[in-house]
PDB file of N, CA and C in Angstrom:
ATOM      1  N   UNK A   1     -28.733 -31.409 -20.757  1.00  0.00           N
ATOM      2  CA  UNK A   1     -29.938 -31.677 -20.087  1.00  0.00           C
ATOM      3  C   UNK A   1     -28.913 -31.616 -18.815  1.00  0.00           C
ATOM      4  N   UNK A   2     -29.342 -31.445 -17.785  1.00  0.00           N
ATOM      5  CA  UNK A   2     -28.937 -30.714 -15.980  1.00  0.00           C
ATOM      6  C   UNK A   2     -29.528 -32.338 -15.923  1.00  0.00           C
ATOM      7  N   UNK A   3     -28.662 -32.549 -14.606  1.00  0.00           N
ATOM      8  CA  UNK A   3     -29.316 -33.727 -14.035  1.00  0.00           C
ATOM      9  C   UNK A   3     -30.002 -33.653 -13.123  1.00  0.00           C
ATOM     10  N   UNK A   4     -31.562 -34.395 -13.202  1.00  0.00           N
ATOM     11  CA  UNK A   4     -32.509 -34.678 -12.394  1.00  0.00           C
ATOM     12  C   UNK A   4     -33.319 -33.179 -12.540  1.00  0.00           C
ATOM     13  N   UNK A   5     -33.660 -32.554 -13.657  1.00  0.00           N
ATOM     14  CA  UNK A   5     -34.316 -31.736 -13.725  1.00  0.00           C
ATOM     15  C   UNK A   5     -35.760 -32.520 -14.941  1.00  0.00           C
ATOM     16  N   UNK A   6     -36.759 -31.082 -14.637  1.00  0.00           N
ATOM     17  CA  UNK A   6     -37.628 -31.529 -15.797  1.00  0.00           C
ATOM     18  C   UNK A   6     -37.396 -30.826 -17.368  1.00  0.00           C
ATOM     19  N   UNK A   7     -37.782 -32.026 -18.269  1.00  0.00           N
ATOM     20  CA  UNK A   7     -37.939 -31.505 -19.523  1.00  0.00           C
ATOM     21  C   UNK A   7     -38.556 -30.503 -20.085  1.00  0.00           C
ATOM     22  N   UNK A   8     -39.761 -30.192 -19.109  1.00  0.00           N
ATOM     23  CA  UNK A   8     -40.778 -29.582 -19.418  1.00  0.00           C
ATOM     24  C   UNK A   8     -40.810 -28.259 -18.703  1.00  0.00           C
ATOM     25  N   UNK A   9     -40.372 -28.302 -17.690  1.00  0.00           N
ATOM     26  CA  UNK A   9     -40.512 -26.849 -16.964  1.00  0.00           C
ATOM     27  C   UNK A   9     -39.150 -26.204 -16.884  1.00  0.00           C
ATOM     28  N   UNK A  10     -37.928 -27.550 -16.486  1.00  0.00           N
ATOM     29  CA  UNK A  10     -37.220 -26.903 -15.819  1.00  0.00           C
ATOM     30  C   UNK A  10     -36.455 -27.296 -14.031  1.00  0.00           C
ATOM     31  N   UNK A  11     -37.972 -28.044 -13.137  1.00  0.00           N
ATOM     32  CA  UNK A  11     -38.096 -27.999 -11.931  1.00  0.00           C
ATOM     33  C   UNK A  11     -36.942 -28.541 -11.251  1.00  0.00           C
ATOM     34  N   UNK A  12     -36.196 -28.749 -10.630  1.00  0.00           N
ATOM     35  CA  UNK A  12     -34.854 -29.661 -10.592  1.00  0.00           C
ATOM     36  C   UNK A  12     -35.297 -29.825  -9.333  1.00  0.00           C
ATOM     37  N   UNK A  13     -34.899 -31.720  -9.543  1.00  0.00           N
ATOM     38  CA  UNK A  13     -35.683 -32.384  -8.216  1.00  0.00           C
ATOM     39  C   UNK A  13     -34.446 -32.517  -6.800  1.00  0.00           C
ATOM     40  N   UNK A  14     -34.895 -31.931  -5.490  1.00  0.00           N
ATOM     41  CA  UNK A  14     -33.529 -31.908  -4.561  1.00  0.00           C
ATOM     42  C   UNK A  14     -33.671 -33.736  -4.532  1.00  0.00           C
ATOM     43  N   UNK A  15     -32.129 -33.620  -4.068  1.00  0.00           N
ATOM     44  CA  UNK A  15     -31.007 -34.249  -3.842  1.00  0.00           C
ATOM     45  C   UNK A  15     -32.006 -35.217  -2.755  1.00  0.00           C
ATOM     46  N   UNK A  16     -32.763 -35.237  -1.621  1.00  0.00           N
ATOM     47  CA  UNK A  16     -34.036 -35.803  -0.406  1.00  0.00           C
ATOM     48  C   UNK A  16     -34.703 -36.432  -1.275  1.00  0.00           C
ATOM     49  N   UNK A  17     -35.566 -35.813  -2.578  1.00  0.00           N
ATOM     50  CA  UNK A  17     -36.614 -36.508  -3.026  1.00  0.00           C
ATOM     51  C   UNK A  17     -36.069 -37.335  -3.881  1.00  0.00           C
ATOM     52  N   UNK A  18     -35.021 -37.272  -4.702  1.00  0.00           N
ATOM     53  CA  UNK A  18     -34.512 -37.826  -5.043  1.00  0.00           C
ATOM     54  C   UNK A  18     -34.295 -39.421  -4.590  1.00  0.00           C
ATOM     55  N   UNK A  19     -33.828 -39.240  -4.139  1.00  0.00           N
ATOM     56  CA  UNK A  19     -32.931 -40.656  -3.179  1.00  0.00           C
ATOM     57  C   UNK A  19     -34.172 -41.292  -2.939  1.00  0.00           C
ATOM     58  N   UNK A  20     -35.494 -40.810  -2.312  1.00  0.00           N
ATOM     59  CA  UNK A  20     -36.552 -41.043  -1.160  1.00  0.00           C
ATOM     60  C   UNK A  20     -37.129 -41.710  -2.381  1.00  0.00           C
ATOM     61  N   UNK A  21     -37.663 -41.024  -3.549  1.00  0.00           N
ATOM     62  CA  UNK A  21     -39.030 -41.261  -4.298  1.00  0.00           C
ATOM     63  C   UNK A  21     -38.407 -42.189  -5.696  1.00  0.00           C
ATOM     64  N   UNK A  22     -37.246 -41.490  -6.128  1.00  0.00           N
ATOM     65  CA  UNK A  22     -36.977 -41.155  -7.740  1.00  0.00           C
ATOM     66  C   UNK A  22     -36.080 -42.938  -8.191  1.00  0.00           C
ATOM     67  N   UNK A  23     -34.988 -42.528  -7.408  1.00  0.00           N
ATOM     68  CA  UNK A  23     -33.746 -43.673  -7.788  1.00  0.00           C
ATOM     69  C   UNK A  23     -34.230 -45.042  -7.943  1.00  0.00           C
ATOM     70  N   UNK A  24     -35.273 -45.653  -7.336  1.00  0.00           N
ATOM     71  CA  UNK A  24     -35.645 -46.933  -6.983  1.00  0.00           C
ATOM     72  C   UNK A  24     -36.739 -47.041  -8.536  1.00  0.00           C
ATOM     73  N   UNK A  25     -37.483 -46.436  -9.448  1.00  0.00           N
ATOM     74  CA  UNK A  25     -38.010 -47.251  -9.559  1.00  0.00           C
ATOM     75  C   UNK A  25     -37.267 -47.655 -10.830  1.00  0.00           C
ATOM     76  N   UNK A  26     -38.244 -47.818 -11.767  1.00  0.00           N
ATOM     77  CA  UNK A  26     -37.151 -48.865 -13.246  1.00  0.00           C
ATOM     78  C   UNK A  26     -37.307 -47.832 -13.980  1.00  0.00           C
ATOM     79  N   UNK A  27     -36.338 -48.432 -15.244  1.00  0.00           N
ATOM     80  CA  UNK A  27     -36.343 -47.600 -16.334  1.00  0.00           C
ATOM     81  C   UNK A  27     -37.296 -46.736 -16.364  1.00  0.00           C
ATOM     82  N   UNK A  28     -38.205 -47.733 -17.055  1.00  0.00           N
ATOM     83  CA  UNK A  28     -39.351 -47.675 -18.064  1.00  0.00           C
ATOM     84  C   UNK A  28     -40.609 -46.902 -17.004  1.00  0.00           C
ATOM     85  N   UNK A  29     -40.334 -46.747 -15.899  1.00  0.00           N
ATOM     86  CA  UNK A  29     -41.271 -46.165 -15.138  1.00  0.00           C
ATOM     87  C   UNK A  29     -42.050 -44.869 -16.112  1.00  0.00           C
ATOM     88  N   UNK A  30     -42.874 -44.136 -15.506  1.00  0.00           N
ATOM     89  CA  UNK A  30     -42.810 -42.652 -15.583  1.00  0.00           C
ATOM     90  C   UNK A  30     -44.058 -41.343 -14.323  1.00  0.00           C
ATOM     91  N   UNK A  31     -43.981 -40.947 -14.586  1.00  0.00           N
ATOM     92  CA  UNK A  31     -44.432 -39.918 -13.372  1.00  0.00           C
ATOM     93  C   UNK A  31     -44.121 -38.635 -13.570  1.00  0.00           C
ATOM     94  N   UNK A  32     -45.629 -37.939 -12.869  1.00  0.00           N
ATOM     95  CA  UNK A  32     -46.122 -36.626 -13.032  1.00  0.00           C
ATOM     96  C   UNK A  32     -44.964 -35.895 -12.355  1.00  0.00           C
ATOM     97  N   UNK A  33     -44.614 -34.883 -12.628  1.00  0.00           N
ATOM     98  CA  UNK A  33     -43.542 -33.475 -12.773  1.00  0.00           C
ATOM     99  C   UNK A  33     -44.428 -32.981 -11.517  1.00  0.00           C
ATOM    100  N   UNK A  34     -43.212 -32.937 -10.454  1.00  0.00           N
ATOM    101  CA  UNK A  34     -44.340 -31.919  -8.994  1.00  0.00           C
ATOM    102  C   UNK A  34     -44.696 -30.632  -9.374  1.00  0.00           C
ATOM    103  N   UNK A  35     -43.941 -29.479  -9.704  1.00  0.00           N
ATOM    104  CA  UNK A  35     -43.957 -28.431 -10.488  1.00  0.00           C
ATOM    105  C   UNK A  35     -44.881 -28.730 -11.756  1.00  0.00           C
ATOM    106  N   UNK A  36     -45.032 -28.911 -12.640  1.00  0.00           N
ATOM    107  CA  UNK A  36     -46.237 -28.700 -13.915  1.00  0.00           C
ATOM    108  C   UNK A  36     -46.579 -29.990 -14.574  1.00  0.00           C
ATOM    109  N   UNK A  37     -46.365 -31.136 -13.920  1.00  0.00           N
ATOM    110  CA  UNK A  37     -47.783 -32.010 -13.494  1.00  0.00           C
ATOM    111  C   UNK A  37     -47.929 -32.567 -14.842  1.00  0.00           C
ATOM    112  N   UNK A  38     -46.617 -32.987 -15.660  1.00  0.00           N
ATOM    113  CA  UNK A  38     -46.304 -33.441 -16.925  1.00  0.00           C
ATOM    114  C   UNK A  38     -45.433 -34.366 -17.219  1.00  0.00           C
ATOM    115  N   UNK A  39     -46.070 -35.479 -17.488  1.00  0.00           N
ATOM    116  CA  UNK A  39     -45.337 -37.089 -17.776  1.00  0.00           C
ATOM    117  C   UNK A  39     -43.752 -37.498 -18.300  1.00  0.00           C
ATOM    118  N   UNK A  40     -42.881 -37.422 -17.376  1.00  0.00           N
ATOM    119  CA  UNK A  40     -41.161 -37.674 -17.432  1.00  0.00           C
ATOM    120  C   UNK A  40     -40.856 -39.139 -16.701  1.00  0.00           C
ATOM    121  N   UNK A  41     -39.905 -39.179 -17.291  1.00  0.00           N
ATOM    122  CA  UNK A  41     -39.357 -40.614 -17.740  1.00  0.00           C
ATOM    123  C   UNK A  41     -37.756 -40.620 -17.292  1.00  0.00           C
ATOM    124  N   UNK A  42     -36.931 -41.584 -16.735  1.00  0.00           N
ATOM    125  CA  UNK A  42     -35.193 -41.662 -17.330  1.00  0.00           C
ATOM    126  C   UNK A  42     -35.161 -41.740 -18.385  1.00  0.00           C
ATOM    127  N   UNK A  43     -33.934 -41.406 -18.368  1.00  0.00           N
ATOM    128  CA  UNK A  43     -33.648 -41.136 -19.896  1.00  0.00           C
ATOM    129  C   UNK A  43     -32.678 -42.432 -19.316  1.00  0.00           C
ATOM    130  N   UNK A  44     -33.058 -43.273 -20.036  1.00  0.00           N
ATOM    131  CA  UNK A  44     -32.206 -44.697 -20.666  1.00  0.00           C
ATOM    132  C   UNK A  44     -30.992 -45.161 -20.609  1.00  0.00           C
ATOM    133  N   UNK A  45     -30.472 -44.235 -21.495  1.00  0.00           N
ATOM    134  CA  UNK A  45     -28.895 -44.111 -21.812  1.00  0.00           C
ATOM    135  C   UNK A  45     -28.452 -43.633 -21.075  1.00  0.00           C
ATOM    136  N   UNK A  46     -28.542 -42.486 -20.380  1.00  0.00           N
ATOM    137  CA  UNK A  46     -27.947 -42.407 -19.119  1.00  0.00           C
ATOM    138  C   UNK A  46     -27.669 -43.533 -17.734  1.00  0.00           C
ATOM    139  N   UNK A  47     -29.367 -44.086 -17.824  1.00  0.00           N
ATOM    140  CA  UNK A  47     -29.271 -44.832 -16.330  1.00  0.00           C
ATOM    141  C   UNK A  47     -27.909 -46.166 -17.010  1.00  0.00           C
ATOM    142  N   UNK A  48     -28.131 -46.310 -18.281  1.00  0.00           N
ATOM    143  CA  UNK A  48     -27.407 -47.853 -18.526  1.00  0.00           C
ATOM    144  C   UNK A  48     -26.006 -47.164 -18.384  1.00  0.00           C
ATOM    145  N   UNK A  49     -25.169 -46.023 -18.235  1.00  0.00           N
ATOM    146  CA  UNK A  49     -23.800 -45.437 -18.220  1.00  0.00           C
ATOM    147  C   UNK A  49     -23.634 -45.131 -16.723  1.00  0.00           C
ATOM    148  N   UNK A  50     -24.959 -44.871 -15.822  1.00  0.00           N
ATOM    149  CA  UNK A  50     -25.185 -45.059 -14.368  1.00  0.00           C
ATOM    150  C   UNK A  50     -24.711 -46.441 -13.500  1.00  0.00           C
ATOM    151  N   UNK A  51     -25.007 -47.510 -14.455  1.00  0.00           N
ATOM    152  CA  UNK A  51     -25.114 -48.747 -13.929  1.00  0.00           C
ATOM    153  C   UNK A  51     -23.815 -49.317 -13.880  1.00  0.00           C
ATOM    154  N   UNK A  52     -23.149 -49.216 -15.571  1.00  0.00           N
ATOM    155  CA  UNK A  52     -21.782 -49.137 -15.615  1.00  0.00           C
ATOM    156  C   UNK A  52     -20.513 -48.847 -14.841  1.00  0.00           C
ATOM    157  N   UNK A  53     -21.097 -47.438 -14.649  1.00  0.00           N
ATOM    158  CA  UNK A  53     -20.191 -46.740 -13.675  1.00  0.00           C
ATOM    159  C   UNK A  53     -20.759 -47.624 -12.502  1.00  0.00           C
ATOM    160  N   UNK A  54     -21.294 -47.892 -12.055  1.00  0.00           N
ATOM    161  CA  UNK A  54     -21.369 -48.867 -10.652  1.00  0.00           C
ATOM    162  C   UNK A  54     -21.161 -49.888 -10.879  1.00  0.00           C
ATOM    163  N   UNK A  55     -20.961 -50.923 -11.997  1.00  0.00           N
ATOM    164  CA  UNK A  55     -20.325 -51.904 -12.210  1.00  0.00           C
ATOM    165  C   UNK A  55     -18.962 -52.183 -11.932  1.00  0.00           C
ATOM    166  N   UNK A  56     -18.424 -51.029 -12.668  1.00  0.00           N
ATOM    167  CA  UNK A  56     -16.637 -51.189 -12.705  1.00  0.00           C
ATOM    168  C   UNK A  56     -16.605 -50.215 -10.820  1.00  0.00           C
ATOM    169  N   UNK A  57     -17.243 -50.316 -10.236  1.00  0.00           N
ATOM    170  CA  UNK A  57     -16.299 -49.645  -9.004  1.00  0.00           C
ATOM    171  C   UNK A  57     -16.923 -51.162  -8.547  1.00  0.00           C
ATOM    172  N   UNK A  58     -18.167 -51.785  -8.364  1.00  0.00           N
ATOM    173  CA  UNK A  58     -18.221 -53.637  -8.556  1.00  0.00           C
ATOM    174  C   UNK A  58     -16.860 -54.494  -8.362  1.00  0.00           C
ATOM    175  N   UNK A  59     -16.646 -54.594  -9.496  1.00  0.00           N
ATOM    176  CA  UNK A  59     -15.893 -55.037 -10.192  1.00  0.00           C
ATOM    177  C   UNK A  59     -14.622 -55.260  -9.834  1.00  0.00           C
ATOM    178  N   UNK A  60     -14.257 -53.860  -9.634  1.00  0.00           N
ATOM    179  CA  UNK A  60     -12.787 -53.408  -8.760  1.00  0.00           C
ATOM    180  C   UNK A  60     -12.508 -53.906  -7.259  1.00  0.00           C
ATOM    181  N   UNK A  61     -13.811 -53.945  -6.588  1.00  0.00           N
ATOM    182  CA  UNK A  61     -13.764 -54.347  -5.063  1.00  0.00           C
ATOM    183  C   UNK A  61     -13.262 -55.664  -5.255  1.00  0.00           C
ATOM    184  N   UNK A  62     -14.270 -56.411  -6.121  1.00  0.00           N
ATOM    185  CA  UNK A  62     -14.317 -58.203  -5.995  1.00  0.00           C
ATOM    186  C   UNK A  62     -12.715 -58.715  -6.604  1.00  0.00           C
ATOM    187  N   UNK A  63     -12.252 -57.700  -7.315  1.00  0.00           N
ATOM    188  CA  UNK A  63     -10.794 -58.512  -8.043  1.00  0.00           C
ATOM    189  C   UNK A  63      -9.813 -57.830  -6.922  1.00  0.00           C
ATOM    190  N   UNK A  64      -9.870 -56.875  -5.709  1.00  0.00           N
ATOM    191  CA  UNK A  64      -8.992 -56.748  -5.266  1.00  0.00           C
ATOM    192  C   UNK A  64      -9.124 -57.203  -3.307  1.00  0.00           C
ATOM    193  N   UNK A  65     -10.362 -57.692  -3.454  1.00  0.00           N
ATOM    194  CA  UNK A  65     -11.130 -58.196  -2.230  1.00  0.00           C
ATOM    195  C   UNK A  65      -9.804 -59.003  -1.741  1.00  0.00           C
ATOM    196  N   UNK A  66      -9.048 -60.149  -2.093  1.00  0.00           N
ATOM    197  CA  UNK A  66      -8.911 -61.014  -1.838  1.00  0.00           C
ATOM    198  C   UNK A  66      -7.227 -60.876  -1.218  1.00  0.00           C
ATOM    199  N   UNK A  67      -6.643 -59.256  -1.789  1.00  0.00           N
ATOM    200  CA  UNK A  67      -5.122 -59.139  -1.284  1.00  0.00           C
ATOM    201  C   UNK A  67      -5.273 -58.022  -0.460  1.00  0.00           C
ATOM    202  N   UNK A  68      -5.867 -57.660   0.806  1.00  0.00           N
ATOM    203  CA  UNK A  68      -6.340 -56.938   1.392  1.00  0.00           C
ATOM    204  C   UNK A  68      -6.908 -57.549   2.978  1.00  0.00           C
ATOM    205  N   UNK A  69      -6.780 -56.732   3.779  1.00  0.00           N
ATOM    206  CA  UNK A  69      -7.103 -57.149   5.157  1.00  0.00           C
ATOM    207  C   UNK A  69      -9.341 -57.321   5.352  1.00  0.00           C
ATOM    208  N   UNK A  70      -9.228 -57.600   6.533  1.00  0.00           N
ATOM    209  CA  UNK A  70     -10.967 -57.315   7.050  1.00  0.00           C
ATOM    210  C   UNK A  70     -11.002 -56.056   6.214  1.00  0.00           C
ATOM    211  N   UNK A  71     -10.444 -54.938   7.692  1.00  0.00           N
ATOM    212  CA  UNK A  71     -10.484 -53.275   7.456  1.00  0.00           C
ATOM    213  C   UNK A  71     -10.631 -52.989   6.615  1.00  0.00           C
ATOM    214  N   UNK A  72      -9.830 -52.855   5.832  1.00  0.00           N
ATOM    215  CA  UNK A  72      -9.783 -52.622   4.556  1.00  0.00           C
ATOM    216  C   UNK A  72     -11.002 -53.080   3.731  1.00  0.00           C
ATOM    217  N   UNK A  73     -11.242 -53.899   3.398  1.00  0.00           N
ATOM    218  CA  UNK A  73     -12.529 -54.545   2.810  1.00  0.00           C
ATOM    219  C   UNK A  73     -13.864 -54.507   3.522  1.00  0.00           C
ATOM    220  N   UNK A  74     -14.174 -53.555   4.387  1.00  0.00           N
ATOM    221  CA  UNK A  74     -15.223 -53.093   5.558  1.00  0.00           C
ATOM    222  C   UNK A  74     -15.202 -51.392   4.629  1.00  0.00           C
ATOM    223  N   UNK A  75     -14.260 -50.831   5.068  1.00  0.00           N
ATOM    224  CA  UNK A  75     -13.747 -49.340   4.228  1.00  0.00           C
ATOM    225  C   UNK A  75     -14.371 -49.611   2.317  1.00  0.00           C
ATOM    226  N   UNK A  76     -13.835 -50.043   1.742  1.00  0.00           N
ATOM    227  CA  UNK A  76     -13.960 -50.297   0.365  1.00  0.00           C
ATOM    228  C   UNK A  76     -15.289 -50.849   0.180  1.00  0.00           C
ATOM    229  N   UNK A  77     -15.883 -51.391   1.296  1.00  0.00           N
ATOM    230  CA  UNK A  77     -17.436 -51.691   0.747  1.00  0.00           C
ATOM    231  C   UNK A  77     -18.714 -50.458   1.300  1.00  0.00           C
ATOM    232  N   UNK A  78     -18.368 -49.696   2.185  1.00  0.00           N
ATOM    233  CA  UNK A  78     -18.726 -48.908   2.426  1.00  0.00           C
ATOM    234  C   UNK A  78     -18.442 -47.193   1.465  1.00  0.00           C
ATOM    235  N   UNK A  79     -16.929 -47.729   0.952  1.00  0.00           N
ATOM    236  CA  UNK A  79     -17.018 -46.184  -0.458  1.00  0.00           C
ATOM    237  C   UNK A  79     -17.857 -47.013  -1.587  1.00  0.00           C
ATOM    238  N   UNK A  80     -18.351 -47.701  -2.044  1.00  0.00           N
ATOM    239  CA  UNK A  80     -19.168 -48.315  -2.641  1.00  0.00           C
ATOM    240  C   UNK A  80     -20.047 -48.298  -2.848  1.00  0.00           C
ATOM    241  N   UNK A  81     -21.001 -48.194  -1.655  1.00  0.00           N
ATOM    242  CA  UNK A  81     -22.302 -47.941  -1.219  1.00  0.00           C
ATOM    243  C   UNK A  81     -22.310 -46.450  -1.511  1.00  0.00           C
ATOM    244  N   UNK A  82     -21.166 -45.781  -1.002  1.00  0.00           N
ATOM    245  CA  UNK A  82     -21.260 -43.905  -1.218  1.00  0.00           C
ATOM    246  C   UNK A  82     -21.476 -43.663  -2.803  1.00  0.00           C
ATOM    247  N   UNK A  83     -19.853 -44.105  -3.045  1.00  0.00           N
ATOM    248  CA  UNK A  83     -20.095 -44.237  -4.536  1.00  0.00           C
ATOM    249  C   UNK A  83     -20.999 -44.317  -5.532  1.00  0.00           C
ATOM    250  N   UNK A  84     -21.896 -45.460  -5.466  1.00  0.00           N
ATOM    251  CA  UNK A  84     -23.182 -45.873  -6.534  1.00  0.00           C
ATOM    252  C   UNK A  84     -23.932 -45.007  -6.088  1.00  0.00           C
ATOM    253  N   UNK A  85     -24.266 -43.922  -4.613  1.00  0.00           N
ATOM    254  CA  UNK A  85     -25.340 -43.556  -4.330  1.00  0.00           C
ATOM    255  C   UNK A  85     -25.318 -42.378  -4.686  1.00  0.00           C
ATOM    256  N   UNK A  86     -23.583 -41.536  -5.164  1.00  0.00           N
ATOM    257  CA  UNK A  86     -23.540 -40.105  -5.989  1.00  0.00           C
ATOM    258  C   UNK A  86     -23.224 -40.378  -7.103  1.00  0.00           C
ATOM    259  N   UNK A  87     -23.180 -42.199  -7.691  1.00  0.00           N
ATOM    260  CA  UNK A  87     -23.114 -41.901  -9.579  1.00  0.00           C
ATOM    261  C   UNK A  87     -25.029 -41.862  -9.426  1.00  0.00           C
ATOM    262  N   UNK A  88     -25.859 -42.557  -8.426  1.00  0.00           N
ATOM    263  CA  UNK A  88     -26.887 -42.342  -9.479  1.00  0.00           C
ATOM    264  C   UNK A  88     -27.609 -41.194  -9.415  1.00  0.00           C
ATOM    265  N   UNK A  89     -26.451 -40.457  -8.393  1.00  0.00           N
ATOM    266  CA  UNK A  89     -27.695 -38.664  -8.227  1.00  0.00           C
ATOM    267  C   UNK A  89     -27.328 -38.356  -9.837  1.00  0.00           C
ATOM    268  N   UNK A  90     -26.136 -38.032 -10.918  1.00  0.00           N
ATOM    269  CA  UNK A  90     -26.326 -37.538 -11.488  1.00  0.00           C
ATOM    270  C   UNK A  90     -27.328 -38.108 -13.005  1.00  0.00           C
ATOM    271  N   UNK A  91     -28.283 -39.404 -12.365  1.00  0.00           N
ATOM    272  CA  UNK A  91     -29.650 -39.285 -13.355  1.00  0.00           C
ATOM    273  C   UNK A  91     -30.535 -38.012 -13.779  1.00  0.00           C
ATOM    274  N   UNK A  92     -30.406 -38.424 -15.178  1.00  0.00           N
ATOM    275  CA  UNK A  92     -31.199 -37.170 -16.209  1.00  0.00           C
ATOM    276  C   UNK A  92     -32.988 -37.960 -16.954  1.00  0.00           C
ATOM    277  N   UNK A  93     -33.435 -36.618 -16.836  1.00  0.00           N
ATOM    278  CA  UNK A  93     -34.893 -37.195 -17.153  1.00  0.00           C
ATOM    279  C   UNK A  93     -35.386 -37.103 -18.610  1.00  0.00           C
ATOM    280  N   UNK A  94     -36.550 -37.582 -19.525  1.00  0.00           N
ATOM    281  CA  UNK A  94     -37.147 -37.293 -20.281  1.00  0.00           C
ATOM    282  C   UNK A  94     -38.256 -37.209 -20.417  1.00  0.00           C
ATOM    283  N   UNK A  95     -39.140 -35.884 -21.736  1.00  0.00           N
ATOM    284  CA  UNK A  95     -40.166 -36.500 -22.027  1.00  0.00           C
ATOM    285  C   UNK A  95     -40.805 -37.516 -21.669  1.00  0.00           C
ATOM    286  N   UNK A  96     -42.312 -38.014 -21.091  1.00  0.00           N
ATOM    287  CA  UNK A  96     -42.315 -39.899 -21.248  1.00  0.00           C
ATOM    288  C   UNK A  96     -43.372 -39.689 -22.510  1.00  0.00           C
ATOM    289  N   UNK A  97     -43.277 -40.836 -23.395  1.00  0.00           N
ATOM    290  CA  UNK A  97     -43.743 -40.675 -24.682  1.00  0.00           C
ATOM    291  C   UNK A  97     -45.053 -41.924 -24.102  1.00  0.00           C
ATOM    292  N   UNK A  98     -46.323 -41.229 -25.012  1.00  0.00           N
ATOM    293  CA  UNK A  98     -47.514 -42.449 -24.615  1.00  0.00           C
ATOM    294  C   UNK A  98     -47.531 -43.177 -25.979  1.00  0.00           C
ATOM    295  N   UNK A  99     -47.779 -44.536 -25.110  1.00  0.00           N
ATOM    296  CA  UNK A  99     -47.757 -45.751 -25.794  1.00  0.00           C
ATOM    297  C   UNK A  99     -48.825 -45.898 -27.119  1.00  0.00           C
ATOM    298  N   UNK A 100     -49.151 -46.117 -27.538  1.00  0.00           N
ATOM    299  CA  UNK A 100     -50.132 -46.878 -28.499  1.00  0.00           C
ATOM    300  C   UNK A 100     -50.623 -47.660 -29.051  1.00  0.00           C
ATOM    301  N   UNK A 101     -52.162 -47.932 -27.988  1.00  0.00           N
ATOM    302  CA  UNK A 101     -53.257 -48.995 -28.145  1.00  0.00           C
ATOM    303  C   UNK A 101     -54.046 -49.935 -29.554  1.00  0.00           C
ATOM    304  N   UNK A 102     -53.472 -50.479 -29.994  1.00  0.00           N
ATOM    305  CA  UNK A 102     -53.765 -50.531 -30.600  1.00  0.00           C
ATOM    306  C   UNK A 102     -55.190 -51.791 -30.456  1.00  0.00           C
TER     307      UNK A 102
END
């Protein structure tokens, strides 16, 4: 499965559209594909891996923050933010399943 592609039609969401509209949706959210109008959602497993990657970056910063000066702290915070955005750009989508109502 390729990153940021619709599982129905293969439409690849541009990185700027992903950051503007999709990145901050909840993992259980679903939406219509811009191209084929079918329901898609995030791959939960992939989202967990992405969150773990961001957590490792944050944990590394917390561990070393006391041993470096303020300039390195600022530089590392900026790198952490950029790294997190890059990691989240590797998100994948899957077909949304309809929930059965009882």
